[in-house]
C-alpha atoms as a PDB file:
ATOM      1  CA  MET A   1      -0.019  -0.015   0.042  1.00  0.00           C
ATOM      2  CA  GLN A   2       1.240   3.463  -0.954  1.00  0.00           C
ATOM      3  CA  VAL A   3       2.540   5.783   1.706  1.00  0.00           C
ATOM      4  CA  GLU A   4      -0.060   8.603   0.807  1.00  0.00           C
ATOM      5  CA  THR A   5      -2.883   5.900   0.989  1.00  0.00           C
ATOM      6  CA  GLN A   6      -1.680   5.058   4.448  1.00  0.00           C
ATOM      7  CA  SER A   7      -1.809   8.639   5.459  1.00  0.00           C
ATOM      8  CA  GLU A   8      -5.284   9.037   4.199  1.00  0.00           C
ATOM      9  CA  ILE A   9      -6.410   5.882   6.242  1.00  0.00           C
ATOM     10  CA  ALA A  10      -4.970   7.453   9.366  1.00  0.00           C
ATOM     11  CA  SER A  11      -6.808  10.676   8.644  1.00  0.00           C
ATOM     12  CA  PHE A  12     -10.120   8.457   8.382  1.00  0.00           C
ATOM     13  CA  VAL A  13      -9.150   6.409  11.619  1.00  0.00           C
ATOM     14  CA  HIS A  14      -8.457   9.737  13.772  1.00  0.00           C
ATOM     15  CA  ASN A  15     -11.246  11.941  12.531  1.00  0.00           C
ATOM     16  CA  ALA A  16     -13.845  11.375  15.025  1.00  0.00           C
ATOM     17  CA  ASN A  17     -15.093  14.958  14.930  1.00  0.00           C
ATOM     18  CA  ILE A  18     -17.392  14.558  11.762  1.00  0.00           C
ATOM     19  CA  PRO A  19     -20.782  13.258  11.897  1.00  0.00           C
ATOM     20  CA  LYS A  20     -21.327   9.541  10.668  1.00  0.00           C
ATOM     21  CA  GLU A  21     -23.179  10.450   7.372  1.00  0.00           C
ATOM     22  CA  GLN A  22     -20.124  12.904   6.474  1.00  0.00           C
ATOM     23  CA  PHE A  23     -17.659  10.137   7.437  1.00  0.00           C
ATOM     24  CA  ALA A  24     -19.509   7.579   5.399  1.00  0.00           C
ATOM     25  CA  GLU A  25     -19.797   9.730   2.173  1.00  0.00           C
ATOM     26  CA  GLU A  26     -16.106  10.596   2.372  1.00  0.00           C
ATOM     27  CA  LEU A  27     -14.761   7.102   2.911  1.00  0.00           C
ATOM     28  CA  ALA A  28     -17.264   5.686   0.064  1.00  0.00           C
ATOM     29  CA  SER A  29     -15.963   8.224  -2.502  1.00  0.00           C
ATOM     30  CA  PHE A  30     -12.361   7.582  -1.552  1.00  0.00           C
ATOM     31  CA  SER A  31     -13.119   3.764  -1.908  1.00  0.00           C
ATOM     32  CA  MET A  32     -14.549   4.461  -5.299  1.00  0.00           C
ATOM     33  CA  GLU A  33     -11.761   6.622  -6.271  1.00  0.00           C
ATOM     34  CA  THR A  34      -8.765   4.127  -5.508  1.00  0.00           C
ATOM     35  CA  ASN A  35     -10.780   1.236  -7.048  1.00  0.00           C
ATOM     36  CA  ARG A  36     -11.493   3.272 -10.185  1.00  0.00           C
ATOM     37  CA  ILE A  37     -15.120   3.317 -10.130  1.00  0.00           C
ATOM     38  CA  PRO A  38     -17.100   6.382 -11.363  1.00  0.00           C
ATOM     39  CA  ASP A  39     -18.223   8.383  -8.371  1.00  0.00           C
ATOM     40  CA  PRO A  40     -21.826   9.681  -8.694  1.00  0.00           C
ATOM     41  CA  TYR A  41     -23.145  12.667  -6.936  1.00  0.00           C
ATOM     42  CA  TYR A  42     -25.144  15.919  -7.447  1.00  0.00           C
ATOM     43  CA  TYR A  43     -25.348  19.359  -6.724  1.00  0.00           C
ATOM     44  CA  THR A  44     -28.169  22.011  -6.604  1.00  0.00           C
ATOM     45  CA  LEU A  45     -28.634  25.764  -6.794  1.00  0.00           C
ATOM     46  CA  ASP A  46     -29.196  27.829  -3.570  1.00  0.00           C
ATOM     47  CA  LYS A  47     -31.300  30.969  -3.269  1.00  0.00           C
ATOM     48  CA  ASP A  48     -28.465  32.828  -4.524  1.00  0.00           C
ATOM     49  CA  GLY A  49     -28.176  30.817  -7.781  1.00  0.00           C
ATOM     50  CA  ASP A  50     -24.931  29.605  -6.521  1.00  0.00           C
ATOM     51  CA  LEU A  51     -23.907  25.736  -6.795  1.00  0.00           C
ATOM     52  CA  TYR A  52     -24.864  24.103  -3.411  1.00  0.00           C
ATOM     53  CA  HIS A  53     -23.895  20.781  -1.913  1.00  0.00           C
ATOM     54  CA  PRO A  54     -26.913  19.533  -0.211  1.00  0.00           C
ATOM     55  CA  GLU A  55     -25.080  17.135   2.226  1.00  0.00           C
ATOM     56  CA  GLY A  56     -22.344  19.663   3.192  1.00  0.00           C
ATOM     57  CA  GLN A  57     -25.033  22.353   3.522  1.00  0.00           C
ATOM     58  CA  THR A  58     -22.842  24.908   1.931  1.00  0.00           C
ATOM     59  CA  LYS A  59     -21.926  26.710  -1.310  1.00  0.00           C
ATOM     60  CA  VAL A  60     -19.445  24.720  -3.354  1.00  0.00           C
ATOM     61  CA  ARG A  61     -17.189  27.507  -3.759  1.00  0.00           C
ATOM     62  CA  ASN A  62     -16.537  28.024  -0.167  1.00  0.00           C
ATOM     63  CA  PHE A  63     -14.461  24.991  -0.381  1.00  0.00           C
ATOM     64  CA  ILE A  64     -12.273  26.107  -3.409  1.00  0.00           C
ATOM     65  CA  GLY A  65      -8.759  27.275  -2.819  1.00  0.00           C
ATOM     66  CA  ARG A  66      -7.155  29.852  -5.013  1.00  0.00           C
ATOM     67  CA  GLY A  67      -3.600  29.988  -3.775  1.00  0.00           C
ATOM     68  CA  ASN A  68      -1.674  29.005  -6.910  1.00  0.00           C
ATOM     69  CA  HIS A  69      -1.733  29.170 -10.664  1.00  0.00           C
ATOM     70  CA  VAL A  70      -3.447  25.708 -11.160  1.00  0.00           C
ATOM     71  CA  TYR A  71      -6.225  26.809  -8.701  1.00  0.00           C
ATOM     72  CA  GLU A  72      -6.883  29.834 -10.394  1.00  0.00           C
ATOM     73  CA  LEU A  73      -7.339  28.050 -13.708  1.00  0.00           C
ATOM     74  CA  GLU A  74      -9.667  25.663 -11.996  1.00  0.00           C
ATOM     75  CA  TYR A  75     -11.676  28.391 -10.472  1.00  0.00           C
ATOM     76  CA  GLN A  76     -12.082  29.757 -13.867  1.00  0.00           C
ATOM     77  CA  ALA A  77     -13.490  26.339 -14.879  1.00  0.00           C
ATOM     78  CA  PHE A  78     -15.840  26.194 -11.968  1.00  0.00           C
ATOM     79  CA  THR A  79     -17.065  29.616 -12.558  1.00  0.00           C
ATOM     80  CA  ARG A  80     -17.992  28.635 -16.037  1.00  0.00           C
ATOM     81  CA  ILE A  81     -19.720  25.316 -15.009  1.00  0.00           C
ATOM     82  CA  GLU A  82     -21.750  27.250 -12.281  1.00  0.00           C
ATOM     83  CA  ASN A  83     -22.748  29.845 -15.007  1.00  0.00           C
ATOM     84  CA  TRP A  84     -23.623  27.030 -17.424  1.00  0.00           C
ATOM     85  CA  PHE A  85     -25.793  25.310 -14.765  1.00  0.00           C
ATOM     86  CA  ARG A  86     -27.388  28.423 -13.782  1.00  0.00           C
ATOM     87  CA  ASN A  87     -28.387  29.719 -17.289  1.00  0.00           C
ATOM     88  CA  THR A  88     -28.937  26.381 -19.089  1.00  0.00           C
ATOM     89  CA  ASP A  89     -32.216  24.184 -18.730  1.00  0.00           C
ATOM     90  CA  GLY A  90     -30.713  20.942 -20.044  1.00  0.00           C
ATOM     91  CA  GLY A  91     -27.537  19.393 -21.475  1.00  0.00           C
ATOM     92  CA  SER A  92     -24.138  17.952 -20.555  1.00  0.00           C
ATOM     93  CA  LEU A  93     -20.608  19.072 -19.794  1.00  0.00           C
ATOM     94  CA  ILE A  94     -17.147  17.424 -19.506  1.00  0.00           C
ATOM     95  CA  TRP A  95     -14.371  19.013 -17.668  1.00  0.00           C
ATOM     96  CA  VAL A  96     -10.735  17.381 -18.160  1.00  0.00           C
ATOM     97  CA  SER A  97      -8.499  17.901 -14.994  1.00  0.00           C
ATOM     98  CA  PRO A  98      -4.969  16.994 -16.001  1.00  0.00           C
ATOM     99  CA  PRO A  99      -2.359  16.030 -13.197  1.00  0.00           C
ATOM    100  CA  SER A 100      -0.003  18.661 -11.832  1.00  0.00           C
ATOM    101  CA  SER A 101       3.271  18.094 -10.033  1.00  0.00           C
ATOM    102  CA  GLY A 102       2.946  18.442  -6.392  1.00  0.00           C
ATOM    103  CA  LEU A 103      -0.969  18.776  -6.436  1.00  0.00           C
ATOM    104  CA  TYR A 104      -2.606  16.003  -8.471  1.00  0.00           C
ATOM    105  CA  PRO A 105      -0.783  12.717  -9.364  1.00  0.00           C
ATOM    106  CA  THR A 106      -3.579  11.739 -11.342  1.00  0.00           C
ATOM    107  CA  SER A 107      -5.984  13.105 -14.042  1.00  0.00           C
ATOM    108  CA  LYS A 108      -9.601  12.774 -13.810  1.00  0.00           C
ATOM    109  CA  ILE A 109     -12.800  13.910 -15.804  1.00  0.00           C
ATOM    110  CA  ILE A 110     -16.077  15.221 -14.439  1.00  0.00           C
ATOM    111  CA  ILE A 111     -19.152  14.489 -16.344  1.00  0.00           C
ATOM    112  CA  SER A 112     -22.230  16.872 -15.567  1.00  0.00           C
ATOM    113  CA  GLU A 113     -25.799  16.672 -16.659  1.00  0.00           C
ATOM    114  CA  ILE A 114     -28.522  18.965 -15.952  1.00  0.00           C
ATOM    115  CA  ASP A 115     -31.876  17.303 -14.706  1.00  0.00           C
ATOM    116  CA  GLY A 116     -35.312  18.991 -13.778  1.00  0.00           C
ATOM    117  CA  LYS A 117     -36.201  22.626 -13.597  1.00  0.00           C
ATOM    118  CA  GLY A 118     -36.775  25.326 -11.208  1.00  0.00           C
ATOM    119  CA  GLU A 119     -36.482  24.327  -7.540  1.00  0.00           C
ATOM    120  CA  GLN A 120     -36.055  20.586  -8.728  1.00  0.00           C
ATOM    121  CA  LYS A 121     -33.114  21.440 -10.978  1.00  0.00           C
ATOM    122  CA  LYS A 122     -30.156  19.295 -10.184  1.00  0.00           C
ATOM    123  CA  LEU A 123     -26.478  18.836 -11.636  1.00  0.00           C
ATOM    124  CA  HIS A 124     -25.675  15.125 -11.638  1.00  0.00           C
ATOM    125  CA  ASN A 125     -22.044  14.490 -11.705  1.00  0.00           C
ATOM    126  CA  ARG A 126     -19.723  11.626 -12.181  1.00  0.00           C
ATOM    127  CA  ALA A 127     -16.082  11.924 -11.308  1.00  0.00           C
ATOM    128  CA  ILE A 128     -13.847   9.397 -12.995  1.00  0.00           C
ATOM    129  CA  VAL A 129     -10.183   9.258 -12.123  1.00  0.00           C
ATOM    130  CA  LEU A 130      -7.990   8.423 -15.235  1.00  0.00           C
ATOM    131  CA  ASP A 131      -4.337   7.773 -15.302  1.00  0.00           C
ATOM    132  CA  TYR A 132      -3.445  10.048 -18.180  1.00  0.00           C
ATOM    133  CA  ASP A 133      -0.346  12.259 -18.528  1.00  0.00           C
ATOM    134  CA  GLU A 134      -0.692  15.814 -19.624  1.00  0.00           C
ATOM    135  CA  ASP A 135      -0.253  14.861 -23.433  1.00  0.00           C
ATOM    136  CA  LYS A 136      -2.995  12.457 -23.241  1.00  0.00           C
ATOM    137  CA  CYS A 137      -5.296  14.902 -21.516  1.00  0.00           C
ATOM    138  CA  LEU A 138      -4.760  17.427 -23.995  1.00  0.00           C
ATOM    139  CA  LYS A 139      -5.501  15.050 -26.819  1.00  0.00           C
ATOM    140  CA  LEU A 140      -8.382  13.805 -24.875  1.00  0.00           C
ATOM    141  CA  ALA A 141      -9.763  17.435 -24.803  1.00  0.00           C
ATOM    142  CA  GLN A 142      -9.331  17.931 -28.026  1.00  0.00           C
ATOM    143  CA  ASN A 143     -11.297  14.692 -29.331  1.00  0.00           C
ATOM    144  CA  ILE A 144     -14.192  15.632 -27.161  1.00  0.00           C
ATOM    145  CA  ALA A 145     -14.289  19.199 -28.239  1.00  0.00           C
ATOM    146  CA  VAL A 146     -15.227  18.093 -31.673  1.00  0.00           C
ATOM    147  CA  PHE A 147     -18.583  17.211 -30.284  1.00  0.00           C
ATOM    148  CA  SER A 148     -19.159  20.672 -28.317  1.00  0.00           C
ATOM    149  CA  HIS A 149     -21.293  23.590 -28.613  1.00  0.00           C
ATOM    150  CA  ASN A 150     -18.459  25.931 -27.684  1.00  0.00           C
ATOM    151  CA  HIS A 151     -15.888  24.382 -29.882  1.00  0.00           C
ATOM    152  CA  PRO A 152     -12.838  25.296 -27.549  1.00  0.00           C
ATOM    153  CA  LEU A 153      -9.493  25.456 -29.423  1.00  0.00           C
ATOM    154  CA  PHE A 154      -7.112  23.344 -26.966  1.00  0.00           C
ATOM    155  CA  GLN A 155      -3.483  24.102 -27.911  1.00  0.00           C
ATOM    156  CA  TYR A 156      -2.043  24.136 -24.241  1.00  0.00           C
ATOM    157  CA  ILE A 157      -2.675  22.220 -20.946  1.00  0.00           C
ATOM    158  CA  ASP A 158      -3.655  25.226 -19.115  1.00  0.00           C
ATOM    159  CA  GLN A 159      -6.616  25.891 -21.550  1.00  0.00           C
ATOM    160  CA  VAL A 160      -7.705  22.165 -20.826  1.00  0.00           C
ATOM    161  CA  ARG A 161      -7.749  22.923 -17.183  1.00  0.00           C
ATOM    162  CA  SER A 162      -9.769  26.189 -17.242  1.00  0.00           C
ATOM    163  CA  MET A 163     -12.372  25.346 -20.103  1.00  0.00           C
ATOM    164  CA  PRO A 164     -15.093  22.755 -19.601  1.00  0.00           C
ATOM    165  CA  ILE A 165     -16.526  21.353 -22.875  1.00  0.00           C
ATOM    166  CA  ALA A 166     -20.311  21.725 -23.152  1.00  0.00           C
ATOM    167  CA  LEU A 167     -21.459  18.912 -25.305  1.00  0.00           C
ATOM    168  CA  ASN A 168     -23.855  18.853 -28.440  1.00  0.00           C
ATOM    169  CA  THR A 169     -25.990  15.830 -27.347  1.00  0.00           C
ATOM    170  CA  ARG A 170     -28.524  16.186 -29.945  1.00  0.00           C
ATOM    171  CA  GLU A 171     -27.063  13.277 -32.146  1.00  0.00           C
ATOM    172  CA  ARG A 172     -25.069  11.662 -29.747  1.00  0.00           C
ATOM    173  CA  SER A 173     -25.148  11.131 -25.914  1.00  0.00           C
ATOM    174  CA  TRP A 174     -22.157  11.971 -23.720  1.00  0.00           C
ATOM    175  CA  LEU A 175     -21.711   8.289 -22.998  1.00  0.00           C
ATOM    176  CA  TYR A 176     -21.438   7.613 -26.875  1.00  0.00           C
ATOM    177  CA  ILE A 177     -18.822  10.450 -27.181  1.00  0.00           C
ATOM    178  CA  LEU A 178     -16.688   9.339 -24.162  1.00  0.00           C
ATOM    179  CA  GLU A 179     -16.980   5.782 -25.199  1.00  0.00           C
ATOM    180  CA  GLU A 180     -15.368   6.744 -28.455  1.00  0.00           C
ATOM    181  CA  ALA A 181     -12.714   8.908 -26.715  1.00  0.00           C
ATOM    182  CA  ILE A 182     -11.809   6.673 -23.883  1.00  0.00           C
ATOM    183  CA  PRO A 183     -11.790   3.075 -24.948  1.00  0.00           C
ATOM    184  CA  GLU A 184     -12.590   1.465 -21.656  1.00  0.00           C
ATOM    185  CA  PRO A 185     -15.454  -1.026 -22.166  1.00  0.00           C
ATOM    186  CA  ALA A 186     -15.442  -2.120 -18.491  1.00  0.00           C
ATOM    187  CA  LEU A 187     -15.728   1.487 -17.228  1.00  0.00           C
ATOM    188  CA  TRP A 188     -18.882   2.405 -19.522  1.00  0.00           C
ATOM    189  CA  GLY A 189     -20.379  -1.015 -18.846  1.00  0.00           C
ATOM    190  CA  MET A 190     -20.473  -0.120 -15.275  1.00  0.00           C
ATOM    191  CA  VAL A 191     -22.136   3.263 -16.163  1.00  0.00           C
ATOM    192  CA  LYS A 192     -24.794   1.818 -18.591  1.00  0.00           C
ATOM    193  CA  GLU A 193     -25.805  -0.853 -16.071  1.00  0.00           C
ATOM    194  CA  GLY A 194     -25.875   1.662 -13.191  1.00  0.00           C
ATOM    195  CA  LEU A 195     -23.466  -0.397 -11.280  1.00  0.00           C
ATOM    196  CA  ASP A 196     -21.447   2.594 -10.183  1.00  0.00           C
ATOM    197  CA  LYS A 197     -24.592   4.065  -8.355  1.00  0.00           C
ATOM    198  CA  LYS A 198     -25.319   0.592  -6.818  1.00  0.00           C
ATOM    199  CA  VAL A 199     -21.603   0.339  -5.651  1.00  0.00           C
ATOM    200  CA  LYS A 200     -21.866   3.815  -4.241  1.00  0.00           C
ATOM    201  CA  ILE A 201     -24.916   3.006  -2.103  1.00  0.00           C
ATOM    202  CA  LYS A 202     -23.374  -0.206  -0.796  1.00  0.00           C
ATOM    203  CA  ALA A 203     -19.964   1.597  -0.033  1.00  0.00           C
ATOM    204  CA  VAL A 204     -21.762   4.147   2.062  1.00  0.00           C
ATOM    205  CA  GLN A 205     -23.691   1.533   4.029  1.00  0.00           C
ATOM    206  CA  PHE A 206     -20.491  -0.325   4.520  1.00  0.00           C
ATOM    207  CA  ALA A 207     -18.690   2.981   5.674  1.00  0.00           C
ATOM    208  CA  ARG A 208     -21.451   3.734   8.132  1.00  0.00           C
ATOM    209  CA  GLU A 209     -20.669   0.160   9.750  1.00  0.00           C
ATOM    210  CA  ILE A 210     -16.979   1.116   9.930  1.00  0.00           C
ATOM    211  CA  TYR A 211     -17.809   4.289  11.717  1.00  0.00           C
ATOM    212  CA  GLN A 212     -19.821   2.464  14.293  1.00  0.00           C
ATOM    213  CA  ARG A 213     -16.795   0.424  15.138  1.00  0.00           C
ATOM    214  CA  LEU A 214     -14.053   3.033  14.863  1.00  0.00           C
ATOM    215  CA  PHE A 215     -15.176   5.055  17.820  1.00  0.00           C
ATOM    216  CA  ARG A 216     -16.000   2.440  20.273  1.00  0.00           C
ATOM    217  CA  GLY A 217     -13.956   0.003  22.335  1.00  0.00           C
ATOM    218  CA  PRO A 218     -10.596  -1.546  21.274  1.00  0.00           C
ATOM    219  CA  VAL A 219     -11.938  -4.575  19.756  1.00  0.00           C
ATOM    220  CA  GLU A 220     -14.552  -2.686  17.716  1.00  0.00           C
ATOM    221  CA  VAL A 221     -11.752  -0.224  16.815  1.00  0.00           C
ATOM    222  CA  GLN A 222      -9.522  -3.157  15.306  1.00  0.00           C
ATOM    223  CA  GLU A 223     -12.329  -4.603  13.595  1.00  0.00           C
ATOM    224  CA  GLY A 224     -13.305  -1.196  12.002  1.00  0.00           C
ATOM    225  CA  GLN A 225      -9.602  -0.543  10.853  1.00  0.00           C
ATOM    226  CA  GLU A 226      -9.642  -3.952   9.080  1.00  0.00           C
ATOM    227  CA  MET A 227     -12.716  -3.285   7.255  1.00  0.00           C
ATOM    228  CA  LEU A 228     -11.675   0.334   6.340  1.00  0.00           C
ATOM    229  CA  VAL A 229      -8.425  -1.000   4.787  1.00  0.00           C
ATOM    230  CA  GLY A 230     -10.428  -3.642   2.794  1.00  0.00           C
ATOM    231  CA  MET A 231     -12.587  -0.787   1.098  1.00  0.00           C
ATOM    232  CA  ILE A 232      -9.428   0.808  -0.234  1.00  0.00           C
ATOM    233  CA  GLY A 233      -8.326   0.047  -3.717  1.00  0.00           C
ATOM    234  CA  GLU A 234      -4.804  -0.508  -5.130  1.00  0.00           C
ATOM    235  CA  LYS A 235      -4.871   2.506  -7.350  1.00  0.00           C
ATOM    236  CA  ARG A 236      -3.539   6.003  -6.335  1.00  0.00           C
ATOM    237  CA  ALA A 237      -5.856   8.586  -5.179  1.00  0.00           C
ATOM    238  CA  SER A 238      -6.369  12.151  -6.544  1.00  0.00           C
ATOM    239  CA  CYS A 239      -4.625  13.750  -3.684  1.00  0.00           C
ATOM    240  CA  PRO A 240      -6.886  15.730  -1.515  1.00  0.00           C
ATOM    241  CA  LEU A 241      -4.661  18.729  -0.257  1.00  0.00           C
ATOM    242  CA  ILE A 242      -4.935  20.930   2.755  1.00  0.00           C
ATOM    243  CA  THR A 243      -6.355  23.542   0.287  1.00  0.00           C
ATOM    244  CA  LYS A 244      -8.516  21.968  -2.393  1.00  0.00           C
ATOM    245  CA  GLY A 245      -8.673  23.149  -6.107  1.00  0.00           C
ATOM    246  CA  ALA A 246     -12.149  23.243  -7.975  1.00  0.00           C
ATOM    247  CA  SER A 247     -11.254  19.822  -9.542  1.00  0.00           C
ATOM    248  CA  ASP A 248     -10.668  18.060  -6.121  1.00  0.00           C
ATOM    249  CA  VAL A 249     -13.962  19.866  -4.938  1.00  0.00           C
ATOM    250  CA  PHE A 250     -15.702  18.542  -7.959  1.00  0.00           C
ATOM    251  CA  LEU A 251     -14.080  15.179  -7.874  1.00  0.00           C
ATOM    252  CA  SER A 252     -16.469  14.045  -5.475  1.00  0.00           C
ATOM    253  CA  SER A 253     -19.089  14.694  -2.856  1.00  0.00           C
ATOM    254  CA  SER A 254     -16.463  13.957  -0.061  1.00  0.00           C
ATOM    255  CA  SER A 255     -14.445  16.699  -1.075  1.00  0.00           C
ATOM    256  CA  LEU A 256     -16.851  19.160   0.583  1.00  0.00           C
ATOM    257  CA  ILE A 257     -18.242  17.300   3.682  1.00  0.00           C
ATOM    258  CA  GLY A 258     -14.966  16.260   5.270  1.00  0.00           C
ATOM    259  CA  GLY A 259     -14.244  19.734   6.456  1.00  0.00           C
ATOM    260  CA  SER A 260     -13.444  23.222   5.252  1.00  0.00           C
ATOM    261  CA  ILE A 261     -10.181  24.400   3.927  1.00  0.00           C
ATOM    262  CA  GLY A 262      -7.526  23.767   6.368  1.00  0.00           C
ATOM    263  CA  GLU A 263      -9.208  21.155   8.538  1.00  0.00           C
ATOM    264  CA  ARG A 264      -8.163  17.940   7.057  1.00  0.00           C
ATOM    265  CA  SER A 265      -4.389  17.816   8.098  1.00  0.00           C
ATOM    266  CA  LEU A 266      -2.081  15.507  10.108  1.00  0.00           C
ATOM    267  CA  SER A 267       1.090  15.974  11.862  1.00  0.00           C
ATOM    268  CA  GLY A 268       4.094  14.683  10.084  1.00  0.00           C
ATOM    269  CA  LYS A 269       7.291  15.172   7.686  1.00  0.00           C
ATOM    270  CA  CYS A 270       6.471  16.960   4.356  1.00  0.00           C
ATOM    271  CA  SER A 271       7.320  14.720   1.467  1.00  0.00           C
ATOM    272  CA  GLN A 272       8.868  17.558  -0.391  1.00  0.00           C
ATOM    273  CA  CYS A 273      10.657  19.783   1.895  1.00  0.00           C
ATOM    274  CA  GLY A 274      11.231  17.157   4.647  1.00  0.00           C
ATOM    275  CA  ILE A 275      10.329  19.564   7.549  1.00  0.00           C
ATOM    276  CA  ASN A 276       7.824  18.541  10.198  1.00  0.00           C
ATOM    277  CA  HIS A 277       4.509  20.279   9.698  1.00  0.00           C
ATOM    278  CA  ALA A 278       0.960  19.764   9.410  1.00  0.00           C
ATOM    279  CA  VAL A 279       0.725  17.834   6.249  1.00  0.00           C
ATOM    280  CA  SER A 280      -2.192  16.918   4.047  1.00  0.00           C
ATOM    281  CA  GLY A 281      -3.732  13.330   4.305  1.00  0.00           C
ATOM    282  CA  GLY A 282      -3.211  12.584   0.569  1.00  0.00           C
ATOM    283  CA  CYS A 283       0.000  13.838  -0.811  1.00  0.00           C
ATOM    284  CA  GLY A 284       1.794  14.499   2.406  1.00  0.00           C
ATOM    285  CA  LEU A 285       2.788  18.010   1.545  1.00  0.00           C
ATOM    286  CA  CYS A 286       2.890  20.884   3.872  1.00  0.00           C
ATOM    287  CA  ASN A 287       0.818  24.046   3.258  1.00  0.00           C
ATOM    288  CA  SER A 288       3.789  25.825   2.040  1.00  0.00           C
ATOM    289  CA  CYS A 289       4.810  23.130  -0.567  1.00  0.00           C
ATOM    290  CA  ALA A 290       1.265  22.764  -1.607  1.00  0.00           C
ATOM    291  CA  ASN A 291       0.569  26.372  -2.255  1.00  0.00           C
ATOM    292  CA  ALA A 292       4.022  26.725  -4.110  1.00  0.00           C
ATOM    293  CA  ALA A 293       3.340  23.748  -6.421  1.00  0.00           C
END
């Protein structure tokens, strides 16, 4: 098991301050991510017309950091998604988030669909972690852009990071488009059959059982720790930092409800500068190194 995954597990084990439902959602999403299963969740609009997380009971933007160049680009993307959702009655959008040294060891895509109208309007999302480098992310965005309304011209990776792709789904569904762009039959088979949603429900239920054990007596704690380790997959996580960028917040529902900016940290040696600081649960970076990345 990788060091950063061990650190993340420790943050779950010792985080007794969050309610059970928040813990369960966060652990379930982390499990989906490390097992490379699409993570479904949704947002709504609040009375101000801003993206709102129902379970976190807060505006999504409240949890987005803006402390470096990458985060600023992602904030531009977030603003575009929010405006699109606010002003559009239906449709689908794809956001490609490339890896970034010191911030995101893996790439990911977020698929967003608008459902309903008025007070019933929801933004249904699926976050999918990929293992693409920057060149593959750029090529992927270029291929998807062919099927878009806004036809963004992607020449540089920063453009990919800041510009979501609004799809033209009149002739082709987003699923058809992505099946062509990302040849992963097993992945899309899960989506077609709704298995990702079923797995998420079961993962949340199992995480609730873990929570019940972790914060009881010694025997139950040991059982809970073993159950928790069993939920974590072999793949690398997307690295939730002390301060989250917009793509981490959009990556899963758990990115919001585990605590606001600055709350999810551990004491330890920074993996970059080697000095003992409060470090992030995911990448093991101290705040200075994370913001300088």
